[in-house]
N, C-alpha and C. Protein backbone atom coordinates (compact mmCIF):
# COMPACT_ATOMS: atom_id res chain seq x y z
N MET A 1 6.84 20.50 24.99
CA MET A 1 6.71 19.06 24.96
C MET A 1 6.15 18.64 23.60
N ARG A 2 6.38 17.39 23.24
CA ARG A 2 5.96 16.90 21.95
C ARG A 2 4.54 16.34 21.96
N ASP A 3 3.79 16.59 23.01
CA ASP A 3 2.43 16.06 23.09
C ASP A 3 1.58 16.51 21.91
N GLY A 4 1.73 17.77 21.49
CA GLY A 4 0.93 18.28 20.38
C GLY A 4 1.15 17.49 19.11
N ALA A 5 2.39 17.16 18.81
CA ALA A 5 2.70 16.34 17.64
C ALA A 5 2.10 14.95 17.81
N LEU A 6 2.19 14.41 19.00
CA LEU A 6 1.65 13.08 19.26
C LEU A 6 0.13 13.08 19.12
N GLN A 7 -0.52 14.12 19.64
CA GLN A 7 -1.98 14.22 19.52
C GLN A 7 -2.39 14.27 18.05
N THR A 8 -1.70 15.10 17.29
CA THR A 8 -2.02 15.24 15.87
C THR A 8 -1.79 13.94 15.12
N LYS A 9 -0.64 13.34 15.35
CA LYS A 9 -0.29 12.10 14.65
C LYS A 9 -1.19 10.93 15.06
N SER A 10 -1.51 10.83 16.32
CA SER A 10 -2.35 9.71 16.77
C SER A 10 -3.78 9.85 16.25
N PHE A 11 -4.27 11.08 16.14
CA PHE A 11 -5.61 11.29 15.59
C PHE A 11 -5.61 10.98 14.09
N ALA A 12 -4.61 11.48 13.37
CA ALA A 12 -4.51 11.20 11.93
C ALA A 12 -4.37 9.70 11.68
N PHE A 13 -3.62 9.03 12.56
CA PHE A 13 -3.46 7.58 12.44
C PHE A 13 -4.80 6.88 12.64
N ALA A 14 -5.59 7.32 13.62
CA ALA A 14 -6.90 6.73 13.86
C ALA A 14 -7.80 6.89 12.63
N VAL A 15 -7.73 8.04 11.99
CA VAL A 15 -8.51 8.27 10.77
C VAL A 15 -8.08 7.27 9.68
N LEU A 16 -6.76 7.07 9.53
CA LEU A 16 -6.26 6.09 8.56
C LEU A 16 -6.75 4.69 8.88
N ILE A 17 -6.71 4.34 10.16
CA ILE A 17 -7.14 3.00 10.59
C ILE A 17 -8.63 2.79 10.28
N VAL A 18 -9.45 3.79 10.55
CA VAL A 18 -10.88 3.68 10.26
C VAL A 18 -11.08 3.43 8.76
N GLY A 19 -10.39 4.19 7.93
CA GLY A 19 -10.50 4.01 6.48
C GLY A 19 -10.01 2.65 6.03
N LEU A 20 -8.90 2.22 6.59
CA LEU A 20 -8.34 0.91 6.24
C LEU A 20 -9.31 -0.21 6.62
N CYS A 21 -9.87 -0.12 7.81
CA CYS A 21 -10.80 -1.15 8.26
C CYS A 21 -12.08 -1.18 7.43
N LYS A 22 -12.55 0.00 7.03
CA LYS A 22 -13.71 0.04 6.12
C LYS A 22 -13.39 -0.70 4.84
N GLY A 23 -12.21 -0.42 4.30
CA GLY A 23 -11.79 -1.09 3.06
C GLY A 23 -11.65 -2.59 3.23
N LEU A 24 -11.09 -3.02 4.33
CA LEU A 24 -10.94 -4.46 4.57
C LEU A 24 -12.30 -5.14 4.64
N ARG A 25 -13.26 -4.48 5.23
CA ARG A 25 -14.59 -5.08 5.37
C ARG A 25 -15.34 -5.10 4.04
N VAL A 26 -15.26 -4.01 3.29
CA VAL A 26 -16.00 -3.92 2.03
C VAL A 26 -15.32 -4.72 0.92
N GLU A 27 -14.02 -4.49 0.72
CA GLU A 27 -13.31 -5.09 -0.41
C GLU A 27 -12.85 -6.52 -0.15
N LYS A 28 -12.40 -6.81 1.04
CA LYS A 28 -11.82 -8.13 1.34
C LYS A 28 -12.76 -9.02 2.15
N LYS A 29 -13.87 -8.46 2.60
CA LYS A 29 -14.83 -9.20 3.43
C LYS A 29 -14.16 -9.78 4.68
N GLU A 30 -13.24 -9.00 5.24
CA GLU A 30 -12.52 -9.42 6.44
C GLU A 30 -13.09 -8.64 7.62
N PHE A 31 -13.62 -9.36 8.61
CA PHE A 31 -14.32 -8.70 9.71
C PHE A 31 -13.66 -8.90 11.07
N VAL A 32 -13.02 -10.01 11.30
CA VAL A 32 -12.51 -10.34 12.62
C VAL A 32 -11.23 -9.57 12.93
N LEU A 33 -10.21 -9.70 12.09
CA LEU A 33 -8.94 -9.02 12.33
C LEU A 33 -9.10 -7.51 12.23
N SER A 34 -9.92 -7.07 11.29
CA SER A 34 -10.11 -5.63 11.13
C SER A 34 -10.78 -5.01 12.35
N LYS A 35 -11.63 -5.76 13.02
CA LYS A 35 -12.26 -5.25 14.24
C LYS A 35 -11.21 -5.06 15.34
N GLN A 36 -10.28 -6.00 15.46
CA GLN A 36 -9.21 -5.89 16.43
C GLN A 36 -8.32 -4.69 16.11
N LEU A 37 -7.99 -4.55 14.83
CA LEU A 37 -7.17 -3.42 14.38
C LEU A 37 -7.87 -2.09 14.65
N LEU A 38 -9.15 -2.04 14.37
CA LEU A 38 -9.93 -0.81 14.60
C LEU A 38 -9.90 -0.43 16.08
N ARG A 39 -10.08 -1.42 16.95
CA ARG A 39 -10.11 -1.15 18.38
C ARG A 39 -8.75 -0.63 18.87
N SER A 40 -7.69 -1.35 18.56
CA SER A 40 -6.38 -0.95 19.08
C SER A 40 -5.85 0.31 18.39
N GLY A 41 -6.07 0.42 17.09
CA GLY A 41 -5.54 1.57 16.34
C GLY A 41 -6.19 2.89 16.69
N THR A 42 -7.45 2.85 17.07
CA THR A 42 -8.12 4.09 17.47
C THR A 42 -7.94 4.38 18.96
N ALA A 43 -7.62 3.35 19.74
CA ALA A 43 -7.41 3.54 21.18
C ALA A 43 -6.18 4.39 21.47
N ILE A 44 -5.19 4.34 20.58
CA ILE A 44 -3.95 5.09 20.82
C ILE A 44 -4.26 6.57 21.02
N GLY A 45 -4.95 7.16 20.06
CA GLY A 45 -5.28 8.58 20.14
C GLY A 45 -6.21 8.90 21.30
N ALA A 46 -7.14 8.00 21.57
CA ALA A 46 -8.06 8.23 22.69
C ALA A 46 -7.30 8.27 24.02
N LEU A 47 -6.33 7.40 24.16
CA LEU A 47 -5.53 7.38 25.40
C LEU A 47 -4.61 8.60 25.49
N VAL A 48 -4.08 9.02 24.36
CA VAL A 48 -3.26 10.24 24.35
C VAL A 48 -4.13 11.42 24.78
N ARG A 49 -5.34 11.49 24.25
CA ARG A 49 -6.27 12.56 24.62
C ARG A 49 -6.62 12.48 26.09
N GLU A 50 -6.83 11.27 26.58
CA GLU A 50 -7.15 11.09 28.00
C GLU A 50 -5.98 11.54 28.88
N ALA A 51 -4.76 11.30 28.42
CA ALA A 51 -3.58 11.68 29.20
C ALA A 51 -3.49 13.19 29.40
N GLU A 52 -4.11 13.96 28.50
CA GLU A 52 -4.12 15.42 28.65
C GLU A 52 -4.74 15.83 29.98
N GLN A 53 -5.67 15.03 30.46
CA GLN A 53 -6.38 15.35 31.71
C GLN A 53 -5.88 14.52 32.89
N ALA A 54 -4.67 14.01 32.77
CA ALA A 54 -4.11 13.18 33.84
C ALA A 54 -4.11 13.94 35.17
N GLU A 55 -4.34 13.20 36.23
CA GLU A 55 -4.41 13.79 37.56
C GLU A 55 -3.03 14.02 38.17
N SER A 56 -2.03 13.36 37.62
CA SER A 56 -0.67 13.49 38.14
C SER A 56 0.30 13.07 37.04
N LYS A 57 1.57 13.30 37.27
CA LYS A 57 2.60 12.87 36.32
C LYS A 57 2.58 11.34 36.18
N ALA A 58 2.39 10.65 37.31
CA ALA A 58 2.32 9.18 37.28
C ALA A 58 1.11 8.71 36.47
N ASP A 59 -0.02 9.38 36.61
CA ASP A 59 -1.21 9.04 35.84
C ASP A 59 -0.97 9.28 34.35
N PHE A 60 -0.30 10.38 34.02
CA PHE A 60 0.06 10.69 32.64
C PHE A 60 0.92 9.57 32.04
N VAL A 61 1.95 9.19 32.77
CA VAL A 61 2.85 8.12 32.29
C VAL A 61 2.07 6.82 32.12
N HIS A 62 1.20 6.52 33.06
CA HIS A 62 0.39 5.30 32.99
C HIS A 62 -0.49 5.28 31.73
N LYS A 63 -1.15 6.37 31.45
CA LYS A 63 -2.02 6.43 30.27
C LYS A 63 -1.20 6.35 28.98
N MET A 64 -0.06 6.99 28.97
CA MET A 64 0.82 6.91 27.80
C MET A 64 1.35 5.49 27.62
N ALA A 65 1.63 4.81 28.73
CA ALA A 65 2.11 3.43 28.65
C ALA A 65 1.04 2.51 28.07
N ILE A 66 -0.21 2.76 28.41
CA ILE A 66 -1.30 1.97 27.83
C ILE A 66 -1.42 2.28 26.34
N ALA A 67 -1.26 3.54 25.96
CA ALA A 67 -1.27 3.91 24.54
C ALA A 67 -0.15 3.19 23.81
N LEU A 68 1.02 3.08 24.44
CA LEU A 68 2.14 2.36 23.85
C LEU A 68 1.79 0.89 23.63
N LYS A 69 1.14 0.29 24.60
CA LYS A 69 0.71 -1.11 24.46
C LYS A 69 -0.26 -1.26 23.29
N GLU A 70 -1.19 -0.32 23.17
CA GLU A 70 -2.15 -0.38 22.06
C GLU A 70 -1.45 -0.21 20.72
N ALA A 71 -0.44 0.67 20.67
CA ALA A 71 0.31 0.86 19.43
C ALA A 71 1.06 -0.42 19.07
N ASN A 72 1.63 -1.06 20.07
CA ASN A 72 2.33 -2.32 19.84
C ASN A 72 1.37 -3.40 19.32
N GLU A 73 0.18 -3.46 19.91
CA GLU A 73 -0.84 -4.42 19.46
C GLU A 73 -1.26 -4.09 18.03
N THR A 74 -1.41 -2.83 17.74
CA THR A 74 -1.79 -2.41 16.38
C THR A 74 -0.75 -2.87 15.37
N GLU A 75 0.51 -2.72 15.73
CA GLU A 75 1.58 -3.18 14.84
C GLU A 75 1.44 -4.69 14.58
N TYR A 76 1.11 -5.44 15.61
CA TYR A 76 0.91 -6.88 15.47
C TYR A 76 -0.20 -7.18 14.45
N TRP A 77 -1.37 -6.52 14.60
CA TRP A 77 -2.48 -6.78 13.68
C TRP A 77 -2.13 -6.38 12.26
N LEU A 78 -1.42 -5.28 12.10
CA LEU A 78 -1.00 -4.87 10.76
C LEU A 78 -0.06 -5.91 10.14
N GLU A 79 0.88 -6.40 10.91
CA GLU A 79 1.80 -7.42 10.41
C GLU A 79 1.06 -8.70 10.05
N LEU A 80 0.10 -9.09 10.88
CA LEU A 80 -0.68 -10.29 10.60
C LEU A 80 -1.52 -10.12 9.33
N LEU A 81 -2.16 -8.99 9.18
CA LEU A 81 -2.95 -8.73 7.97
C LEU A 81 -2.06 -8.71 6.72
N HIS A 82 -0.86 -8.21 6.87
CA HIS A 82 0.08 -8.20 5.75
C HIS A 82 0.52 -9.62 5.39
N GLU A 83 0.91 -10.38 6.39
CA GLU A 83 1.40 -11.74 6.15
C GLU A 83 0.31 -12.68 5.62
N THR A 84 -0.94 -12.37 5.91
CA THR A 84 -2.06 -13.19 5.42
C THR A 84 -2.66 -12.62 4.14
N HIS A 85 -1.96 -11.67 3.56
CA HIS A 85 -2.29 -11.10 2.24
C HIS A 85 -3.60 -10.30 2.20
N TYR A 86 -4.00 -9.77 3.34
CA TYR A 86 -5.14 -8.85 3.35
C TYR A 86 -4.70 -7.42 3.05
N LEU A 87 -3.42 -7.12 3.33
CA LEU A 87 -2.89 -5.78 3.05
C LEU A 87 -1.85 -5.87 1.94
N GLU A 88 -1.99 -4.98 0.99
CA GLU A 88 -1.01 -4.88 -0.09
C GLU A 88 0.30 -4.35 0.50
N PRO A 89 1.44 -4.74 -0.08
CA PRO A 89 2.74 -4.29 0.45
C PRO A 89 2.87 -2.78 0.59
N ASP A 90 2.40 -2.01 -0.39
CA ASP A 90 2.51 -0.55 -0.31
C ASP A 90 1.67 0.02 0.83
N THR A 91 0.47 -0.49 0.97
CA THR A 91 -0.41 -0.03 2.05
C THR A 91 0.20 -0.37 3.40
N PHE A 92 0.67 -1.61 3.52
CA PHE A 92 1.29 -2.04 4.78
C PHE A 92 2.50 -1.17 5.10
N SER A 93 3.36 -0.97 4.12
CA SER A 93 4.59 -0.21 4.35
C SER A 93 4.30 1.20 4.87
N SER A 94 3.32 1.85 4.26
CA SER A 94 2.97 3.22 4.64
C SER A 94 2.41 3.29 6.07
N ILE A 95 1.44 2.45 6.35
CA ILE A 95 0.79 2.51 7.66
C ILE A 95 1.69 1.93 8.75
N HIS A 96 2.53 0.97 8.39
CA HIS A 96 3.48 0.42 9.36
C HIS A 96 4.48 1.50 9.76
N HIS A 97 4.92 2.28 8.81
CA HIS A 97 5.83 3.39 9.11
C HIS A 97 5.18 4.34 10.12
N ASP A 98 3.90 4.62 9.93
CA ASP A 98 3.17 5.51 10.84
C ASP A 98 3.10 4.96 12.26
N VAL A 99 2.81 3.66 12.40
CA VAL A 99 2.70 3.09 13.74
C VAL A 99 4.07 3.02 14.41
N VAL A 100 5.12 2.77 13.65
CA VAL A 100 6.47 2.77 14.22
C VAL A 100 6.83 4.16 14.73
N GLU A 101 6.43 5.18 13.98
CA GLU A 101 6.67 6.56 14.41
C GLU A 101 5.94 6.85 15.72
N LEU A 102 4.70 6.39 15.83
CA LEU A 102 3.94 6.56 17.08
C LEU A 102 4.61 5.82 18.23
N LEU A 103 5.08 4.61 17.98
CA LEU A 103 5.77 3.84 19.01
C LEU A 103 7.00 4.60 19.52
N LYS A 104 7.75 5.19 18.61
CA LYS A 104 8.94 5.94 18.99
C LYS A 104 8.58 7.19 19.80
N LEU A 105 7.56 7.92 19.35
CA LEU A 105 7.13 9.12 20.07
C LEU A 105 6.65 8.79 21.47
N LEU A 106 5.80 7.77 21.56
CA LEU A 106 5.28 7.37 22.87
C LEU A 106 6.40 6.95 23.81
N THR A 107 7.32 6.15 23.30
CA THR A 107 8.45 5.69 24.12
C THR A 107 9.27 6.88 24.61
N SER A 108 9.54 7.82 23.73
CA SER A 108 10.32 8.99 24.09
C SER A 108 9.62 9.83 25.15
N ILE A 109 8.33 10.05 24.99
CA ILE A 109 7.57 10.86 25.95
C ILE A 109 7.50 10.16 27.30
N ILE A 110 7.28 8.86 27.29
CA ILE A 110 7.22 8.10 28.54
C ILE A 110 8.57 8.18 29.25
N ASN A 111 9.65 7.95 28.52
CA ASN A 111 10.97 7.97 29.13
C ASN A 111 11.33 9.34 29.69
N SER A 112 11.04 10.40 28.93
CA SER A 112 11.37 11.73 29.43
C SER A 112 10.47 12.12 30.61
N SER A 113 9.23 11.66 30.61
CA SER A 113 8.34 11.95 31.73
C SER A 113 8.78 11.21 32.99
N LYS A 114 9.25 9.99 32.83
CA LYS A 114 9.75 9.24 33.98
C LYS A 114 10.99 9.89 34.56
N ARG A 115 11.87 10.38 33.68
CA ARG A 115 13.05 11.09 34.17
C ARG A 115 12.65 12.33 34.96
N GLY A 116 11.62 13.02 34.48
CA GLY A 116 11.13 14.21 35.16
C GLY A 116 10.51 13.91 36.52
N MET A 117 9.99 12.69 36.67
CA MET A 117 9.37 12.30 37.94
C MET A 117 10.42 12.05 39.02
N SER A 118 11.59 11.60 38.60
CA SER A 118 12.61 11.25 39.60
C SER A 118 13.44 12.44 40.02
N SER A 119 13.22 13.60 39.38
CA SER A 119 14.01 14.79 39.76
C SER A 119 13.40 15.49 40.93
């Protein structure tokens, strides 16, 4: 299963988000949006980690679905920060690519897990 890749990528993404939010607070004096981004961006990996201990396949899918929602919310905050000129285009492009990759991985894992539940 691709969970290992997802765990690695979601943790590395959380590290990037923490660094980005530190920079937004120190360099741009932006505190409100960065707090939202920090919460949703780090929740993805935490939920993936939590899914490792799921009590059932349905519980696993549920936790992954919440991680997907958090990734979607993170994409929203990144887009908002970009459009309001808090994020430079290069920074946005790089981190946006990462969140899109997480969205695709989560969607794939959820879909394949659901198929496995109906067999």
